Amino acid sequence: MKARMMMGAALVLGLGLTACGGNAGSVPPTGTPGTGGGGGGTALPAELQGEWNYGTISPIEYYDPTSGQYAEASGTSDILKFTADGTYERTGITVVTTYNCTSKILLHQTGIVTLSGTTLTLTPKVSLAKGYRCSPSDAFENRALNTSVNTWNVAGSGAQAVLTLGDPDHQAVDSHYNRPRGTSTPGSGGAAGSIKGTLHVAKSGETIGAVSVFACPASGTCAAAGDAFRYTHPGDLGTSGSYVLGNVTNVPHNVFAWTDVNDNNQVDAGDMYGVYTSDGQSVTAVTPPAQGIDITLSKLTPDDVQ
């Protein structure tokens, strides 16, 4: 595991922390990594993380010449939000209007995501569907936890990315989801949101101290990131604490935390260090907005920094 984490940390730190005035020196591995919030699902690839939108609901009524009345328009909207640790939130609305009969269904779910090759399974832990048929007086409510099994594929990136969810049995038409308006295209420098999580120590008796948390584009190094580089100083922490990295561009980022214990601007023995990883073996990139990006820090030994 150490060899993999060392390679991952090298990708994160690159040539050093010159972007924030330090010099990383030799690149260490992490200690016991965080688990990404313990979502229970599959660690999701960066291309799948974040928000996806499907369909639209027209706010404009239309005139029905048969009845001589105005009626509500029809449509469907579905919003999926995936986190790095394999959880999801789903919010949907469907409006169906036929002549003077309008029916509405509202859906909200939270649960876990599991991936197996090209199969994506959504397993709700909480679900509420409510609405009415033709009249609010004919209302209904359903809390059934129905698992959804789909094929999946992401084409393109940034603002042009398209997520396709399909029926494994090919009995239904594929659904195509887009990124929300305002999502930046890689390289455009646009801001998409924040990265949030908590920091923990690996061993009893250790403290985090005056830690800094960094996010660097996974495609390069912190030193070469320019305006895409982000860091924050949550303060002098004890054994745990939270952090927020704001205004992070909408591209995959590696996230790591470092406490320069001896204040020499070099990563060396005695420092506290950790990288976000979803599997405990390699660095996991995250695309904002993302939460539950938890990092466990451990004290580096002389062997770690050789």
Protein backbone atom coordinates (compact mmCIF):
# COMPACT_ATOMS: atom_id res chain seq x y z
CA MET A 1 0.00 0.00 0.00
CA LYS A 2 2.86 2.41 0.81
CA ALA A 3 4.27 2.17 -2.70
CA ARG A 4 0.91 3.08 -4.25
CA MET A 5 0.34 5.95 -1.85
CA MET A 6 3.84 7.29 -2.50
CA MET A 7 3.14 7.35 -6.23
CA GLY A 8 -0.19 9.06 -5.60
CA ALA A 9 1.34 11.67 -3.33
CA ALA A 10 3.97 12.36 -5.97
CA LEU A 11 1.20 13.14 -8.45
CA VAL A 12 -0.39 15.50 -5.95
CA LEU A 13 2.69 17.39 -4.87
CA GLY A 14 4.61 17.24 -8.14
CA LEU A 15 7.65 19.48 -8.04
CA GLY A 16 6.86 20.84 -4.62
CA LEU A 17 4.68 23.34 -2.80
CA THR A 18 6.24 26.34 -4.48
CA ALA A 19 2.76 27.63 -5.27
CA CYS A 20 2.26 28.39 -1.58
CA GLY A 21 5.83 29.33 -0.74
CA GLY A 22 7.15 25.96 0.43
CA ASN A 23 9.35 23.18 -0.86
CA ALA A 24 8.10 19.63 -0.49
CA GLY A 25 11.50 18.00 -0.72
CA SER A 26 11.09 14.22 -0.82
CA VAL A 27 7.48 13.14 -1.31
CA PRO A 28 6.13 10.92 1.47
CA PRO A 29 3.31 8.43 1.45
CA THR A 30 0.30 8.93 3.64
CA GLY A 31 -0.49 6.97 6.74
CA THR A 32 -3.92 5.48 7.30
CA PRO A 33 -6.14 7.16 4.70
CA GLY A 34 -9.66 8.48 5.13
CA THR A 35 -12.67 6.57 3.92
CA GLY A 36 -14.53 9.39 2.20
CA GLY A 37 -17.31 9.59 4.74
CA GLY A 38 -18.34 5.96 4.87
CA GLY A 39 -21.09 6.27 2.28
CA GLY A 40 -21.32 2.50 1.82
CA GLY A 41 -21.41 2.63 -1.95
CA THR A 42 -18.71 2.27 -4.58
CA ALA A 43 -15.98 4.92 -4.79
CA LEU A 44 -17.04 6.82 -7.88
CA PRO A 45 -14.74 7.99 -10.68
CA ALA A 46 -14.26 11.74 -10.97
CA GLU A 47 -16.13 11.89 -14.28
CA LEU A 48 -19.33 10.67 -12.59
CA GLN A 49 -19.21 12.81 -9.46
CA GLY A 50 -21.27 15.97 -9.07
CA GLU A 51 -24.64 17.09 -10.40
CA TRP A 52 -26.47 15.86 -13.52
CA ASN A 53 -29.73 17.26 -14.92
CA TYR A 54 -32.30 15.62 -17.18
CA GLY A 55 -35.36 17.07 -18.91
CA THR A 56 -37.24 20.28 -18.27
CA ILE A 57 -40.57 21.57 -17.00
CA SER A 58 -42.05 24.43 -18.99
CA PRO A 59 -43.45 27.21 -16.79
CA ILE A 60 -45.73 28.37 -19.65
CA GLU A 61 -49.34 27.29 -19.87
CA TYR A 62 -50.89 26.45 -23.23
CA TYR A 63 -54.33 27.03 -24.75
CA ASP A 64 -56.45 23.97 -25.48
CA PRO A 65 -58.77 24.84 -28.40
CA THR A 66 -60.92 21.76 -27.72
CA SER A 67 -61.94 22.81 -24.22
CA GLY A 68 -61.36 26.54 -24.69
CA GLN A 69 -59.30 26.58 -21.49
CA TYR A 70 -55.73 27.18 -20.51
CA ALA A 71 -53.93 24.14 -19.08
CA GLU A 72 -50.57 23.46 -17.51
CA ALA A 73 -47.73 22.26 -19.72
CA SER A 74 -46.20 18.81 -19.36
CA GLY A 75 -42.64 17.76 -18.71
CA THR A 76 -40.15 15.83 -16.61
CA SER A 77 -37.11 17.00 -14.68
CA ASP A 78 -34.65 14.77 -12.82
CA ILE A 79 -31.59 15.94 -10.87
CA LEU A 80 -28.96 13.42 -9.75
CA LYS A 81 -26.09 14.31 -7.42
CA PHE A 82 -23.26 11.79 -6.92
CA THR A 83 -20.57 12.07 -4.21
CA ALA A 84 -17.08 10.62 -4.31
CA ASP A 85 -17.82 8.03 -1.61
CA GLY A 86 -20.73 6.46 -3.49
CA THR A 87 -23.84 8.19 -2.20
CA TYR A 88 -26.50 9.93 -4.25
CA GLU A 89 -29.42 12.32 -4.00
CA ARG A 90 -32.23 12.32 -6.56
CA THR A 91 -34.91 15.00 -6.99
CA GLY A 92 -37.53 14.71 -9.71
CA ILE A 93 -40.82 16.11 -10.89
CA THR A 94 -43.17 14.88 -13.60
CA VAL A 95 -46.15 16.87 -14.86
CA VAL A 96 -48.58 15.21 -17.28
CA THR A 97 -51.45 17.24 -18.76
CA THR A 98 -54.17 15.76 -20.94
CA TYR A 99 -56.96 18.19 -21.82
CA ASN A 100 -58.17 19.51 -18.44
CA CYS A 101 -56.48 16.80 -16.34
CA THR A 102 -53.07 17.57 -14.84
CA SER A 103 -51.23 14.98 -12.73
CA LYS A 104 -48.02 15.66 -10.81
CA ILE A 105 -45.43 13.43 -9.17
CA LEU A 106 -42.61 14.70 -6.92
CA LEU A 107 -39.74 12.39 -5.95
CA HIS A 108 -36.88 12.75 -3.49
CA GLN A 109 -34.39 9.97 -2.73
CA THR A 110 -31.08 9.49 -0.99
CA GLY A 111 -29.07 6.29 -1.05
CA ILE A 112 -25.93 4.54 -2.25
CA VAL A 113 -24.43 3.92 -5.67
CA THR A 114 -22.67 0.72 -6.70
CA LEU A 115 -20.75 0.25 -9.94
CA SER A 116 -19.91 -3.02 -11.67
CA GLY A 117 -18.37 -2.43 -15.06
CA THR A 118 -20.97 -0.60 -17.14
CA THR A 119 -23.77 -1.26 -14.62
CA LEU A 120 -24.79 1.47 -12.16
CA THR A 121 -27.19 0.57 -9.36
CA LEU A 122 -29.03 3.13 -7.23
CA THR A 123 -30.19 1.68 -3.90
CA PRO A 124 -32.35 4.16 -1.98
CA LYS A 125 -32.16 4.36 1.80
CA VAL A 126 -34.86 7.02 2.02
CA SER A 127 -37.47 7.65 -0.68
CA LEU A 128 -40.62 9.74 -0.92
CA ALA A 129 -42.84 10.02 -3.99
CA LYS A 130 -45.98 12.10 -3.65
CA GLY A 131 -48.44 13.77 -5.99
CA TYR A 132 -51.97 13.66 -7.33
CA ARG A 133 -54.02 12.45 -10.30
CA CYS A 134 -55.98 15.18 -12.08
CA SER A 135 -56.89 16.89 -8.80
CA PRO A 136 -55.09 17.59 -5.50
CA SER A 137 -58.02 15.85 -3.83
CA ASP A 138 -56.82 12.57 -5.37
CA ALA A 139 -53.41 12.63 -3.70
CA PHE A 140 -51.06 9.74 -3.09
CA GLU A 141 -47.77 9.05 -1.29
CA ASN A 142 -45.27 6.21 -1.77
CA ARG A 143 -42.17 5.46 0.32
CA ALA A 144 -41.17 2.21 -1.38
CA LEU A 145 -37.41 1.61 -1.65
CA ASN A 146 -37.13 0.44 -5.25
CA THR A 147 -33.64 -0.26 -6.56
CA SER A 148 -32.79 1.14 -9.99
CA VAL A 149 -30.34 -0.79 -12.21
CA ASN A 150 -28.92 1.05 -15.22
CA THR A 151 -26.19 0.90 -17.79
CA TRP A 152 -24.05 4.05 -17.70
CA ASN A 153 -21.60 5.98 -19.82
CA VAL A 154 -20.08 9.46 -19.64
CA ALA A 155 -19.07 11.13 -22.90
CA GLY A 156 -17.22 14.44 -23.09
CA SER A 157 -16.06 16.54 -20.14
CA GLY A 158 -16.80 19.76 -18.30
CA ALA A 159 -19.84 21.67 -19.56
CA GLN A 160 -20.10 19.32 -22.55
CA ALA A 161 -20.24 16.09 -20.52
CA VAL A 162 -23.25 13.81 -21.08
CA LEU A 163 -24.24 10.97 -18.74
CA THR A 164 -26.30 8.26 -20.43
CA LEU A 165 -28.35 5.92 -18.23
CA GLY A 166 -29.91 2.97 -20.01
CA ASP A 167 -32.07 -0.09 -19.42
CA PRO A 168 -29.93 -3.27 -19.22
CA ASP A 169 -32.83 -5.17 -20.83
CA HIS A 170 -33.17 -2.58 -23.64
CA GLN A 171 -36.89 -2.20 -22.94
CA ALA A 172 -36.75 1.58 -22.45
CA VAL A 173 -35.22 4.59 -24.19
CA ASP A 174 -31.89 5.84 -22.81
CA SER A 175 -31.94 8.95 -20.60
CA HIS A 176 -29.30 11.60 -21.29
CA TYR A 177 -28.20 13.85 -18.43
CA ASN A 178 -26.22 17.09 -18.80
CA ARG A 179 -24.13 19.12 -16.39
CA PRO A 180 -25.94 22.14 -14.86
CA ARG A 181 -25.71 25.50 -16.56
CA GLY A 182 -22.58 27.34 -15.48
CA THR A 183 -20.44 24.21 -15.25
CA SER A 184 -16.98 25.11 -16.48
CA THR A 185 -15.15 23.41 -19.29
CA PRO A 186 -11.72 22.00 -18.31
CA GLY A 187 -9.09 24.67 -18.82
CA SER A 188 -11.61 27.53 -18.79
CA GLY A 189 -10.81 28.53 -15.21
CA GLY A 190 -14.50 28.68 -14.30
CA ALA A 191 -15.52 28.03 -10.70
CA ALA A 192 -17.91 25.20 -9.90
CA GLY A 193 -18.14 24.91 -6.15
CA SER A 194 -16.52 23.68 -2.99
CA ILE A 195 -14.84 20.58 -1.59
CA LYS A 196 -15.75 19.77 2.01
CA GLY A 197 -14.70 17.14 4.50
CA THR A 198 -13.23 16.36 7.89
CA LEU A 199 -9.71 15.67 9.10
CA HIS A 200 -8.82 12.95 11.60
CA VAL A 201 -5.67 11.58 13.21
CA ALA A 202 -4.63 7.98 12.58
CA LYS A 203 -3.47 7.17 16.10
CA SER A 204 -4.55 8.00 19.61
CA GLY A 205 -2.27 10.57 21.19
CA GLU A 206 -1.51 12.38 17.93
CA THR A 207 -2.84 15.86 17.11
CA ILE A 208 -3.32 17.53 13.76
CA GLY A 209 -1.98 20.95 14.67
CA ALA A 210 -1.86 24.01 12.39
CA VAL A 211 -2.86 22.15 9.25
CA SER A 212 -3.23 23.31 5.64
CA VAL A 213 -5.50 21.57 3.10
CA PHE A 214 -4.68 21.74 -0.61
CA ALA A 215 -6.50 20.90 -3.86
CA CYS A 216 -4.54 20.59 -7.08
CA PRO A 217 -5.81 19.55 -10.54
CA ALA A 218 -5.22 15.83 -10.95
CA SER A 219 -3.80 16.39 -14.41
CA GLY A 220 -0.78 18.33 -13.16
CA THR A 221 1.09 19.56 -10.08
CA CYS A 222 0.38 22.21 -7.47
CA ALA A 223 3.36 24.22 -8.70
CA ALA A 224 2.01 24.28 -12.25
CA ALA A 225 -1.64 24.78 -11.35
CA GLY A 226 -1.63 28.58 -11.34
CA ASP A 227 -5.09 30.00 -10.62
CA ALA A 228 -6.56 26.47 -10.34
CA PHE A 229 -4.59 25.84 -7.13
CA ARG A 230 -6.60 26.12 -3.89
CA TYR A 231 -5.66 25.88 -0.23
CA THR A 232 -7.13 26.70 3.15
CA HIS A 233 -5.98 26.87 6.77
CA PRO A 234 -8.74 25.47 9.04
CA GLY A 235 -6.74 26.49 12.12
CA ASP A 236 -4.90 24.71 14.90
CA LEU A 237 -6.88 21.48 15.28
CA GLY A 238 -6.81 18.77 17.90
CA THR A 239 -7.69 15.23 16.85
CA SER A 240 -10.32 16.22 14.26
CA GLY A 241 -11.89 19.15 12.48
CA SER A 242 -13.67 20.21 9.30
CA TYR A 243 -12.45 22.09 6.23
CA VAL A 244 -13.93 23.80 3.17
CA LEU A 245 -12.10 24.55 -0.08
CA GLY A 246 -14.12 27.14 -1.97
CA ASN A 247 -14.18 28.39 -5.56
CA VAL A 248 -12.66 25.19 -6.95
CA THR A 249 -12.75 24.73 -10.72
CA ASN A 250 -14.89 21.95 -12.17
CA VAL A 251 -12.12 19.50 -13.00
CA PRO A 252 -10.84 16.48 -11.01
CA HIS A 253 -8.63 17.52 -8.08
CA ASN A 254 -6.37 15.64 -5.68
CA VAL A 255 -6.86 16.79 -2.08
CA PHE A 256 -4.30 16.47 0.70
CA ALA A 257 -3.55 17.87 4.15
CA TRP A 258 -0.19 18.72 5.70
CA THR A 259 0.98 20.11 9.04
CA ASP A 260 4.51 21.50 8.90
CA VAL A 261 5.30 20.64 12.51
CA ASN A 262 8.82 22.11 12.59
CA ASP A 263 7.87 25.04 10.33
CA ASN A 264 10.70 24.51 7.84
CA ASN A 265 8.55 24.53 4.67
CA GLN A 266 9.53 20.94 3.87
CA VAL A 267 7.65 17.67 4.19
CA ASP A 268 9.81 15.66 6.56
CA ALA A 269 9.77 13.23 9.48
CA GLY A 270 7.49 14.32 12.30
CA ASP A 271 5.05 16.21 10.07
CA MET A 272 1.39 15.20 9.91
CA TYR A 273 0.29 14.24 6.40
CA GLY A 274 -2.67 12.67 4.60
CA VAL A 275 -4.24 12.35 1.15
CA TYR A 276 -7.88 11.71 0.22
CA THR A 277 -8.31 8.12 -0.93
CA SER A 278 -11.45 6.05 -1.35
CA ASP A 279 -9.79 2.63 -1.33
CA GLY A 280 -6.95 3.08 1.16
CA GLN A 281 -4.30 2.45 -1.48
CA SER A 282 -4.23 5.20 -4.09
CA VAL A 283 -5.11 8.88 -4.37
CA THR A 284 -8.71 9.49 -5.47
CA ALA A 285 -9.48 12.60 -7.50
CA VAL A 286 -12.71 14.50 -6.78
CA THR A 287 -14.66 16.98 -8.88
CA PRO A 288 -16.45 19.81 -7.08
CA PRO A 289 -18.96 20.27 -5.70
CA ALA A 290 -18.04 17.40 -3.38
CA GLN A 291 -18.54 16.65 0.29
CA GLY A 292 -17.52 13.85 2.61
CA ILE A 293 -13.94 14.15 1.35
CA ASP A 294 -12.42 12.99 4.64
CA ILE A 295 -8.68 12.70 5.21
CA THR A 296 -6.81 10.86 7.94
CA LEU A 297 -3.40 12.28 8.88
CA SER A 298 -0.53 10.34 10.42
CA LYS A 299 2.92 11.29 11.64
CA LEU A 300 5.62 10.72 9.04
CA THR A 301 8.62 8.58 9.94
CA PRO A 302 12.15 8.87 8.48
CA ASP A 303 11.39 5.84 6.27
CA ASP A 304 8.36 7.65 4.81
CA VAL A 305 10.40 10.56 3.47
CA GLN A 306 13.41 8.72 2.09
